[in-house]
Amino acid sequence: MNAERRPVAVITGASSGIGAALAHEFAAHGHELVLIARREQALTGVADAIAAKGYPRPTVLRMDVARVDAARDIAEALARRGLEPETVVNNAGFARLGPADKLDRAEQLAMIDLNVRALTDLSLAFIDTLERRKGGILNVASISGFFPGPGMAVYYATKAYVVSLSQALHQELKPRGVRVTALCPGPVPTEFQARAGIAPGAFPSLLTRSAEQVAKEGYQGLKEGRLIVIPGFFNKMVPMLMRLAPPSLVLDRVHARQKGRQA
């Protein structure tokens, strides 16, 4: 039965921003898509836009991937449609700007559920089909995953986890023909930043990349089997400079910049 199922790229958080851009990028390279997010109307808009370009219309699944049983529900939904994952793109996530002790604790725990637990579950849930299809996993992390982030402490910590997990899975799954890539963008002007409480124009233009640029580099990096993809020359320099600088200086600089980014 599995041999009769059609291979698809499953993209979470696909209703806007980098997720929507990745959907367009995968569609442009001939992938059939399954788009997942909580906002069905926005997802439908992305699917309609892709279909309007002449590509197969993506399947839309309205779902909260942070639910404990989300991976099971996704697998069942795909099976009913005669589909199976060839690629899993874990893009769903959110951030909040502010001191950890001042932000809502339950919301920060929900951030860990989505950014960490759900991503881990979906990274592991479909390994067998990914191996059979010689596919891969693209985990959307951030350059913030390479250093601590006072002022966004929990978010930075979740992205450090994503970078670490992706690197380990890359090594473990490589012999099985499964590619795992961590996409680590710098600032991207999308609604993600506004929802996090970050003011418009809070980041230097040298570091800013569009969602479309990030998606293009992420897709190419996955297909090439690269371990880490950091879009943009100056963004590539940031983790290197952070490793060279004294930890106390890094903490001071990051903390000061976060304070200046309040919306």
C-alpha atoms as a PDB file:
ATOM      1  CA  MET A   1       0.000   0.000   0.000  1.00  0.00           C
ATOM      2  CA  ASN A   2       2.785   2.416   0.854  1.00  0.00           C
ATOM      3  CA  ALA A   3       4.272   2.019  -2.623  1.00  0.00           C
ATOM      4  CA  GLU A   4       1.026   3.392  -4.100  1.00  0.00           C
ATOM      5  CA  ARG A   5       1.079   6.547  -2.011  1.00  0.00           C
ATOM      6  CA  ARG A   6       2.219   9.794  -3.583  1.00  0.00           C
ATOM      7  CA  PRO A   7       5.246  11.542  -2.057  1.00  0.00           C
ATOM      8  CA  VAL A   8       4.636  15.002  -0.616  1.00  0.00           C
ATOM      9  CA  ALA A   9       6.501  17.782   1.125  1.00  0.00           C
ATOM     10  CA  VAL A  10       4.819  18.506   4.466  1.00  0.00           C
ATOM     11  CA  ILE A  11       5.313  22.114   5.594  1.00  0.00           C
ATOM     12  CA  THR A  12       4.183  23.360   9.001  1.00  0.00           C
ATOM     13  CA  GLY A  13       3.550  27.002   9.771  1.00  0.00           C
ATOM     14  CA  ALA A  14       2.846  27.502   6.068  1.00  0.00           C
ATOM     15  CA  SER A  15       0.205  30.215   6.345  1.00  0.00           C
ATOM     16  CA  SER A  16       2.590  33.171   6.024  1.00  0.00           C
ATOM     17  CA  GLY A  17       6.187  34.383   6.098  1.00  0.00           C
ATOM     18  CA  ILE A  18       9.011  31.897   5.606  1.00  0.00           C
ATOM     19  CA  GLY A  19       6.584  28.957   5.650  1.00  0.00           C
ATOM     20  CA  ALA A  20       4.538  30.358   2.772  1.00  0.00           C
ATOM     21  CA  ALA A  21       7.711  31.246   0.863  1.00  0.00           C
ATOM     22  CA  LEU A  22       9.003  27.695   1.331  1.00  0.00           C
ATOM     23  CA  ALA A  23       5.693  26.363   0.011  1.00  0.00           C
ATOM     24  CA  HIS A  24       6.104  28.407  -3.171  1.00  0.00           C
ATOM     25  CA  GLU A  25       9.739  27.318  -3.506  1.00  0.00           C
ATOM     26  CA  PHE A  26       8.980  23.608  -3.111  1.00  0.00           C
ATOM     27  CA  ALA A  27       6.049  23.884  -5.536  1.00  0.00           C
ATOM     28  CA  ALA A  28       8.290  25.581  -8.106  1.00  0.00           C
ATOM     29  CA  HIS A  29      10.587  22.548  -7.966  1.00  0.00           C
ATOM     30  CA  GLY A  30       7.793  20.083  -8.658  1.00  0.00           C
ATOM     31  CA  HIS A  31       6.848  18.928  -5.167  1.00  0.00           C
ATOM     32  CA  GLU A  32       3.291  18.094  -4.245  1.00  0.00           C
ATOM     33  CA  LEU A  33       2.568  19.871  -0.963  1.00  0.00           C
ATOM     34  CA  VAL A  34       0.682  19.440   2.273  1.00  0.00           C
ATOM     35  CA  LEU A  35       0.412  22.757   4.108  1.00  0.00           C
ATOM     36  CA  ILE A  36      -0.303  22.784   7.842  1.00  0.00           C
ATOM     37  CA  ALA A  37      -1.179  25.649  10.177  1.00  0.00           C
ATOM     38  CA  ARG A  38      -3.947  26.783  12.499  1.00  0.00           C
ATOM     39  CA  ARG A  39      -5.256  29.542  10.216  1.00  0.00           C
ATOM     40  CA  GLU A  40      -7.239  27.759   7.520  1.00  0.00           C
ATOM     41  CA  GLN A  41      -8.192  30.889   5.589  1.00  0.00           C
ATOM     42  CA  ALA A  42      -4.571  32.020   5.310  1.00  0.00           C
ATOM     43  CA  LEU A  43      -3.482  28.500   4.322  1.00  0.00           C
ATOM     44  CA  THR A  44      -6.165  28.419   1.641  1.00  0.00           C
ATOM     45  CA  GLY A  45      -4.851  31.704   0.302  1.00  0.00           C
ATOM     46  CA  VAL A  46      -1.336  30.263  -0.002  1.00  0.00           C
ATOM     47  CA  ALA A  47      -2.702  27.140  -1.710  1.00  0.00           C
ATOM     48  CA  ASP A  48      -4.758  29.259  -4.124  1.00  0.00           C
ATOM     49  CA  ALA A  49      -1.717  31.391  -4.993  1.00  0.00           C
ATOM     50  CA  ILE A  50       0.357  28.289  -5.735  1.00  0.00           C
ATOM     51  CA  ALA A  51      -2.416  26.780  -7.876  1.00  0.00           C
ATOM     52  CA  ALA A  52      -2.746  30.083  -9.755  1.00  0.00           C
ATOM     53  CA  LYS A  53       0.848  29.643 -10.913  1.00  0.00           C
ATOM     54  CA  GLY A  54      -0.104  26.377 -12.584  1.00  0.00           C
ATOM     55  CA  TYR A  55       1.279  24.035  -9.925  1.00  0.00           C
ATOM     56  CA  PRO A  56      -0.798  21.274  -8.301  1.00  0.00           C
ATOM     57  CA  ARG A  57      -2.990  22.741  -5.587  1.00  0.00           C
ATOM     58  CA  PRO A  58      -1.567  21.860  -2.162  1.00  0.00           C
ATOM     59  CA  THR A  59      -3.545  19.889   0.378  1.00  0.00           C
ATOM     60  CA  VAL A  60      -4.494  22.098   3.318  1.00  0.00           C
ATOM     61  CA  LEU A  61      -4.655  20.732   6.862  1.00  0.00           C
ATOM     62  CA  ARG A  62      -5.904  23.046   9.585  1.00  0.00           C
ATOM     63  CA  MET A  63      -4.108  21.762  12.672  1.00  0.00           C
ATOM     64  CA  ASP A  64      -2.221  22.880  15.758  1.00  0.00           C
ATOM     65  CA  VAL A  65       1.032  20.919  15.528  1.00  0.00           C
ATOM     66  CA  ALA A  66       1.764  21.685  19.177  1.00  0.00           C
ATOM     67  CA  ARG A  67      -0.906  19.162  20.176  1.00  0.00           C
ATOM     68  CA  VAL A  68       0.563  15.981  21.616  1.00  0.00           C
ATOM     69  CA  ASP A  69      -1.171  13.781  19.040  1.00  0.00           C
ATOM     70  CA  ALA A  70      -0.505  16.023  16.027  1.00  0.00           C
ATOM     71  CA  ALA A  71       2.025  13.699  14.344  1.00  0.00           C
ATOM     72  CA  ARG A  72      -0.433  10.811  14.555  1.00  0.00           C
ATOM     73  CA  ASP A  73      -3.249  12.942  13.152  1.00  0.00           C
ATOM     74  CA  ILE A  74      -1.044  14.147  10.298  1.00  0.00           C
ATOM     75  CA  ALA A  75      -0.039  10.574   9.443  1.00  0.00           C
ATOM     76  CA  GLU A  76      -3.682   9.475   9.413  1.00  0.00           C
ATOM     77  CA  ALA A  77      -4.759  12.464   7.303  1.00  0.00           C
ATOM     78  CA  LEU A  78      -2.050  11.737   4.753  1.00  0.00           C
ATOM     79  CA  ALA A  79      -2.872   8.016   4.630  1.00  0.00           C
ATOM     80  CA  ARG A  80      -6.554   8.755   3.939  1.00  0.00           C
ATOM     81  CA  ARG A  81      -5.482  10.815   0.942  1.00  0.00           C
ATOM     82  CA  GLY A  82      -2.988   8.269  -0.360  1.00  0.00           C
ATOM     83  CA  LEU A  83       0.005  10.436   0.541  1.00  0.00           C
ATOM     84  CA  GLU A  84       3.232   9.999   2.492  1.00  0.00           C
ATOM     85  CA  PRO A  85       6.031  12.410   3.417  1.00  0.00           C
ATOM     86  CA  GLU A  86       9.094  12.654   1.220  1.00  0.00           C
ATOM     87  CA  THR A  87      10.180  15.862   2.950  1.00  0.00           C
ATOM     88  CA  VAL A  88       9.223  17.331   6.321  1.00  0.00           C
ATOM     89  CA  VAL A  89       9.681  21.071   6.804  1.00  0.00           C
ATOM     90  CA  ASN A  90       9.366  22.119  10.449  1.00  0.00           C
ATOM     91  CA  ASN A  91       8.742  25.842  10.219  1.00  0.00           C
ATOM     92  CA  ALA A  92       5.993  26.372  12.821  1.00  0.00           C
ATOM     93  CA  GLY A  93       7.172  28.415  15.776  1.00  0.00           C
ATOM     94  CA  PHE A  94       6.824  31.713  17.582  1.00  0.00           C
ATOM     95  CA  ALA A  95       8.808  34.122  19.740  1.00  0.00           C
ATOM     96  CA  ARG A  96       8.215  36.720  22.406  1.00  0.00           C
ATOM     97  CA  LEU A  97      10.443  39.708  23.155  1.00  0.00           C
ATOM     98  CA  GLY A  98      11.002  40.648  26.781  1.00  0.00           C
ATOM     99  CA  PRO A  99      12.599  39.459  30.039  1.00  0.00           C
ATOM    100  CA  ALA A 100      11.693  35.852  30.816  1.00  0.00           C
ATOM    101  CA  ASP A 101      10.407  36.703  34.299  1.00  0.00           C
ATOM    102  CA  LYS A 102       8.099  39.397  32.894  1.00  0.00           C
ATOM    103  CA  LEU A 103       6.622  37.426  29.994  1.00  0.00           C
ATOM    104  CA  ASP A 104       3.702  35.066  30.546  1.00  0.00           C
ATOM    105  CA  ARG A 105       5.141  31.784  31.827  1.00  0.00           C
ATOM    106  CA  ALA A 106       2.450  29.592  30.273  1.00  0.00           C
ATOM    107  CA  GLU A 107       3.038  31.216  26.909  1.00  0.00           C
ATOM    108  CA  GLN A 108       6.770  30.573  27.147  1.00  0.00           C
ATOM    109  CA  LEU A 109       6.103  26.921  27.983  1.00  0.00           C
ATOM    110  CA  ALA A 110       3.804  26.780  24.952  1.00  0.00           C
ATOM    111  CA  MET A 111       6.715  28.162  22.935  1.00  0.00           C
ATOM    112  CA  ILE A 112       8.841  25.224  24.070  1.00  0.00           C
ATOM    113  CA  ASP A 113       6.021  22.829  23.160  1.00  0.00           C
ATOM    114  CA  LEU A 114       5.844  24.175  19.612  1.00  0.00           C
ATOM    115  CA  ASN A 115       9.443  25.155  18.862  1.00  0.00           C
ATOM    116  CA  VAL A 116      11.006  22.089  20.528  1.00  0.00           C
ATOM    117  CA  ARG A 117       8.671  19.211  21.351  1.00  0.00           C
ATOM    118  CA  ALA A 118       6.483  19.382  18.245  1.00  0.00           C
ATOM    119  CA  LEU A 119       9.487  19.850  15.959  1.00  0.00           C
ATOM    120  CA  THR A 120      11.173  16.832  17.538  1.00  0.00           C
ATOM    121  CA  ASP A 121       8.060  14.703  17.169  1.00  0.00           C
ATOM    122  CA  LEU A 122       7.633  15.546  13.492  1.00  0.00           C
ATOM    123  CA  SER A 123      11.355  15.113  12.832  1.00  0.00           C
ATOM    124  CA  LEU A 124      11.165  11.534  14.107  1.00  0.00           C
ATOM    125  CA  ALA A 125       7.658  10.464  13.117  1.00  0.00           C
ATOM    126  CA  PHE A 126       8.249   9.782   9.419  1.00  0.00           C
ATOM    127  CA  ILE A 127      11.829   8.521   9.231  1.00  0.00           C
ATOM    128  CA  ASP A 128      10.817   5.266   7.534  1.00  0.00           C
ATOM    129  CA  THR A 129       9.052   6.984   4.642  1.00  0.00           C
ATOM    130  CA  LEU A 130      11.775   9.591   4.341  1.00  0.00           C
ATOM    131  CA  GLU A 131      14.324   6.798   4.050  1.00  0.00           C
ATOM    132  CA  ARG A 132      12.269   4.953   1.448  1.00  0.00           C
ATOM    133  CA  ARG A 133      11.834   8.135  -0.576  1.00  0.00           C
ATOM    134  CA  LYS A 134      15.432   9.316  -0.026  1.00  0.00           C
ATOM    135  CA  GLY A 135      13.986  12.561   1.248  1.00  0.00           C
ATOM    136  CA  GLY A 136      14.852  14.895   4.061  1.00  0.00           C
ATOM    137  CA  ILE A 137      14.011  17.169   6.973  1.00  0.00           C
ATOM    138  CA  LEU A 138      14.370  20.933   6.880  1.00  0.00           C
ATOM    139  CA  ASN A 139      14.215  22.438  10.374  1.00  0.00           C
ATOM    140  CA  VAL A 140      13.825  26.202  10.507  1.00  0.00           C
ATOM    141  CA  ALA A 141      16.046  27.465  13.305  1.00  0.00           C
ATOM    142  CA  SER A 142      17.715  30.897  13.486  1.00  0.00           C
ATOM    143  CA  ILE A 143      21.108  32.509  13.881  1.00  0.00           C
ATOM    144  CA  SER A 144      19.851  33.160  17.419  1.00  0.00           C
ATOM    145  CA  GLY A 145      20.435  29.457  18.010  1.00  0.00           C
ATOM    146  CA  PHE A 146      24.193  30.010  18.127  1.00  0.00           C
ATOM    147  CA  PHE A 147      24.330  32.223  21.246  1.00  0.00           C
ATOM    148  CA  PRO A 148      22.228  33.042  24.330  1.00  0.00           C
ATOM    149  CA  GLY A 149      19.595  35.763  24.074  1.00  0.00           C
ATOM    150  CA  PRO A 150      18.815  37.737  27.223  1.00  0.00           C
ATOM    151  CA  GLY A 151      15.642  39.632  26.423  1.00  0.00           C
ATOM    152  CA  MET A 152      14.334  36.638  24.415  1.00  0.00           C
ATOM    153  CA  ALA A 153      15.846  33.915  26.564  1.00  0.00           C
ATOM    154  CA  VAL A 154      13.416  31.064  25.953  1.00  0.00           C
ATOM    155  CA  TYR A 155      13.139  31.657  22.210  1.00  0.00           C
ATOM    156  CA  TYR A 156      16.912  31.679  21.721  1.00  0.00           C
ATOM    157  CA  ALA A 157      17.184  28.529  23.820  1.00  0.00           C
ATOM    158  CA  THR A 158      14.584  26.735  21.693  1.00  0.00           C
ATOM    159  CA  LYS A 159      16.492  27.586  18.524  1.00  0.00           C
ATOM    160  CA  ALA A 160      19.756  26.363  20.071  1.00  0.00           C
ATOM    161  CA  TYR A 161      17.970  23.054  20.608  1.00  0.00           C
ATOM    162  CA  VAL A 162      16.823  22.958  16.973  1.00  0.00           C
ATOM    163  CA  VAL A 163      20.366  23.565  15.715  1.00  0.00           C
ATOM    164  CA  SER A 164      21.793  20.872  17.993  1.00  0.00           C
ATOM    165  CA  LEU A 165      19.098  18.292  17.202  1.00  0.00           C
ATOM    166  CA  SER A 166      19.355  18.901  13.472  1.00  0.00           C
ATOM    167  CA  GLN A 167      23.119  18.460  13.483  1.00  0.00           C
ATOM    168  CA  ALA A 168      22.858  15.185  15.392  1.00  0.00           C
ATOM    169  CA  LEU A 169      20.086  13.830  13.161  1.00  0.00           C
ATOM    170  CA  HIS A 170      22.070  14.868  10.098  1.00  0.00           C
ATOM    171  CA  GLN A 171      24.858  12.567  11.212  1.00  0.00           C
ATOM    172  CA  GLU A 172      22.620   9.722  12.370  1.00  0.00           C
ATOM    173  CA  LEU A 173      20.413   9.613   9.293  1.00  0.00           C
ATOM    174  CA  LYS A 174      23.004  10.268   6.600  1.00  0.00           C
ATOM    175  CA  PRO A 175      23.825   6.530   6.210  1.00  0.00           C
ATOM    176  CA  ARG A 176      20.114   5.899   5.583  1.00  0.00           C
ATOM    177  CA  GLY A 177      19.970   8.436   2.769  1.00  0.00           C
ATOM    178  CA  VAL A 178      17.913  10.994   4.725  1.00  0.00           C
ATOM    179  CA  ARG A 179      19.149  14.581   4.526  1.00  0.00           C
ATOM    180  CA  VAL A 180      18.689  16.849   7.573  1.00  0.00           C
ATOM    181  CA  THR A 181      19.371  20.573   7.299  1.00  0.00           C
ATOM    182  CA  ALA A 182      18.999  23.402   9.804  1.00  0.00           C
ATOM    183  CA  LEU A 183      17.943  26.648   8.130  1.00  0.00           C
ATOM    184  CA  CYS A 184      19.204  29.507  10.299  1.00  0.00           C
ATOM    185  CA  PRO A 185      18.028  32.865   8.964  1.00  0.00           C
ATOM    186  CA  GLY A 186      18.779  36.222  10.472  1.00  0.00           C
ATOM    187  CA  PRO A 187      16.088  38.929  10.557  1.00  0.00           C
ATOM    188  CA  VAL A 188      13.232  38.429   8.088  1.00  0.00           C
ATOM    189  CA  PRO A 189      10.545  41.148   7.879  1.00  0.00           C
ATOM    190  CA  THR A 190       7.355  39.104   8.330  1.00  0.00           C
ATOM    191  CA  GLU A 191       4.412  39.111  10.726  1.00  0.00           C
ATOM    192  CA  PHE A 192       6.493  36.762  12.903  1.00  0.00           C
ATOM    193  CA  GLN A 193       8.488  39.768  14.146  1.00  0.00           C
ATOM    194  CA  ALA A 194       5.383  41.858  14.781  1.00  0.00           C
ATOM    195  CA  ARG A 195       3.760  39.025  16.748  1.00  0.00           C
ATOM    196  CA  ALA A 196       6.943  38.691  18.797  1.00  0.00           C
ATOM    197  CA  GLY A 197       6.708  42.365  19.776  1.00  0.00           C
ATOM    198  CA  ILE A 198       9.694  43.506  17.708  1.00  0.00           C
ATOM    199  CA  ALA A 199       9.493  47.013  16.265  1.00  0.00           C
ATOM    200  CA  PRO A 200       9.651  47.475  12.476  1.00  0.00           C
ATOM    201  CA  GLY A 201      13.149  48.301  11.246  1.00  0.00           C
ATOM    202  CA  ALA A 202      14.733  47.013  14.461  1.00  0.00           C
ATOM    203  CA  PHE A 203      17.486  45.162  12.599  1.00  0.00           C
ATOM    204  CA  PRO A 204      20.282  46.469  10.339  1.00  0.00           C
ATOM    205  CA  SER A 205      19.471  46.198   6.636  1.00  0.00           C
ATOM    206  CA  LEU A 206      22.756  44.336   6.069  1.00  0.00           C
ATOM    207  CA  LEU A 207      21.370  41.413   8.096  1.00  0.00           C
ATOM    208  CA  THR A 208      17.824  41.468   6.733  1.00  0.00           C
ATOM    209  CA  ARG A 209      16.766  38.970   4.073  1.00  0.00           C
ATOM    210  CA  SER A 210      13.374  38.456   2.472  1.00  0.00           C
ATOM    211  CA  ALA A 211      11.336  35.333   3.162  1.00  0.00           C
ATOM    212  CA  GLU A 212      11.729  34.413  -0.512  1.00  0.00           C
ATOM    213  CA  GLN A 213      15.530  34.640  -0.351  1.00  0.00           C
ATOM    214  CA  VAL A 214      15.595  32.531   2.804  1.00  0.00           C
ATOM    215  CA  ALA A 215      13.301  29.922   1.266  1.00  0.00           C
ATOM    216  CA  LYS A 216      15.399  29.667  -1.892  1.00  0.00           C
ATOM    217  CA  GLU A 217      18.631  29.144   0.036  1.00  0.00           C
ATOM    218  CA  GLY A 218      16.980  26.733   2.452  1.00  0.00           C
ATOM    219  CA  TYR A 219      15.599  24.579  -0.335  1.00  0.00           C
ATOM    220  CA  GLN A 220      18.912  24.491  -2.166  1.00  0.00           C
ATOM    221  CA  GLY A 221      20.786  23.662   1.028  1.00  0.00           C
ATOM    222  CA  LEU A 222      18.484  20.741   1.781  1.00  0.00           C
ATOM    223  CA  LYS A 223      18.827  19.347  -1.727  1.00  0.00           C
ATOM    224  CA  GLU A 224      22.615  19.610  -1.443  1.00  0.00           C
ATOM    225  CA  GLY A 225      22.533  17.812   1.911  1.00  0.00           C
ATOM    226  CA  ARG A 226      24.106  20.717   3.776  1.00  0.00           C
ATOM    227  CA  LEU A 227      24.238  20.629   7.554  1.00  0.00           C
ATOM    228  CA  ILE A 228      23.592  24.328   8.241  1.00  0.00           C
ATOM    229  CA  VAL A 229      22.253  27.059   5.957  1.00  0.00           C
ATOM    230  CA  ILE A 230      22.666  30.682   7.058  1.00  0.00           C
ATOM    231  CA  PRO A 231      21.290  32.980   4.341  1.00  0.00           C
ATOM    232  CA  GLY A 232      23.302  36.139   3.704  1.00  0.00           C
ATOM    233  CA  PHE A 233      27.025  36.845   3.947  1.00  0.00           C
ATOM    234  CA  PHE A 234      26.821  39.115   6.992  1.00  0.00           C
ATOM    235  CA  ASN A 235      24.527  36.723   8.838  1.00  0.00           C
ATOM    236  CA  LYS A 236      27.114  33.977   8.333  1.00  0.00           C
ATOM    237  CA  MET A 237      29.613  36.187  10.145  1.00  0.00           C
ATOM    238  CA  VAL A 238      27.447  36.666  13.250  1.00  0.00           C
ATOM    239  CA  PRO A 239      27.889  33.184  14.819  1.00  0.00           C
ATOM    240  CA  MET A 240      31.620  33.307  14.075  1.00  0.00           C
ATOM    241  CA  LEU A 241      32.031  36.675  15.775  1.00  0.00           C
ATOM    242  CA  MET A 242      29.933  35.560  18.748  1.00  0.00           C
ATOM    243  CA  ARG A 243      32.196  32.547  19.279  1.00  0.00           C
ATOM    244  CA  LEU A 244      35.280  34.761  19.288  1.00  0.00           C
ATOM    245  CA  ALA A 245      33.911  37.409  21.656  1.00  0.00           C
ATOM    246  CA  PRO A 246      34.031  37.020  25.476  1.00  0.00           C
ATOM    247  CA  PRO A 247      30.721  35.544  26.729  1.00  0.00           C
ATOM    248  CA  SER A 248      30.085  38.497  29.045  1.00  0.00           C
ATOM    249  CA  LEU A 249      30.416  40.908  26.110  1.00  0.00           C
ATOM    250  CA  VAL A 250      28.030  38.823  23.995  1.00  0.00           C
ATOM    251  CA  LEU A 251      25.444  38.823  26.767  1.00  0.00           C
ATOM    252  CA  ASP A 252      25.738  42.576  27.307  1.00  0.00           C
ATOM    253  CA  ARG A 253      25.471  43.399  23.590  1.00  0.00           C
ATOM    254  CA  VAL A 254      22.561  41.076  22.888  1.00  0.00           C
ATOM    255  CA  HIS A 255      20.662  42.265  25.947  1.00  0.00           C
ATOM    256  CA  ALA A 256      21.150  45.912  25.037  1.00  0.00           C
ATOM    257  CA  ARG A 257      19.956  45.348  21.469  1.00  0.00           C
ATOM    258  CA  GLN A 258      16.857  43.470  22.607  1.00  0.00           C
ATOM    259  CA  LYS A 259      15.836  46.409  24.773  1.00  0.00           C
ATOM    260  CA  GLY A 260      16.007  48.653  21.714  1.00  0.00           C
ATOM    261  CA  ARG A 261      13.759  46.380  19.641  1.00  0.00           C
ATOM    262  CA  GLN A 262      10.567  46.745  21.667  1.00  0.00           C
ATOM    263  CA  ALA A 263       7.604  47.575  19.460  1.00  0.00           C
END
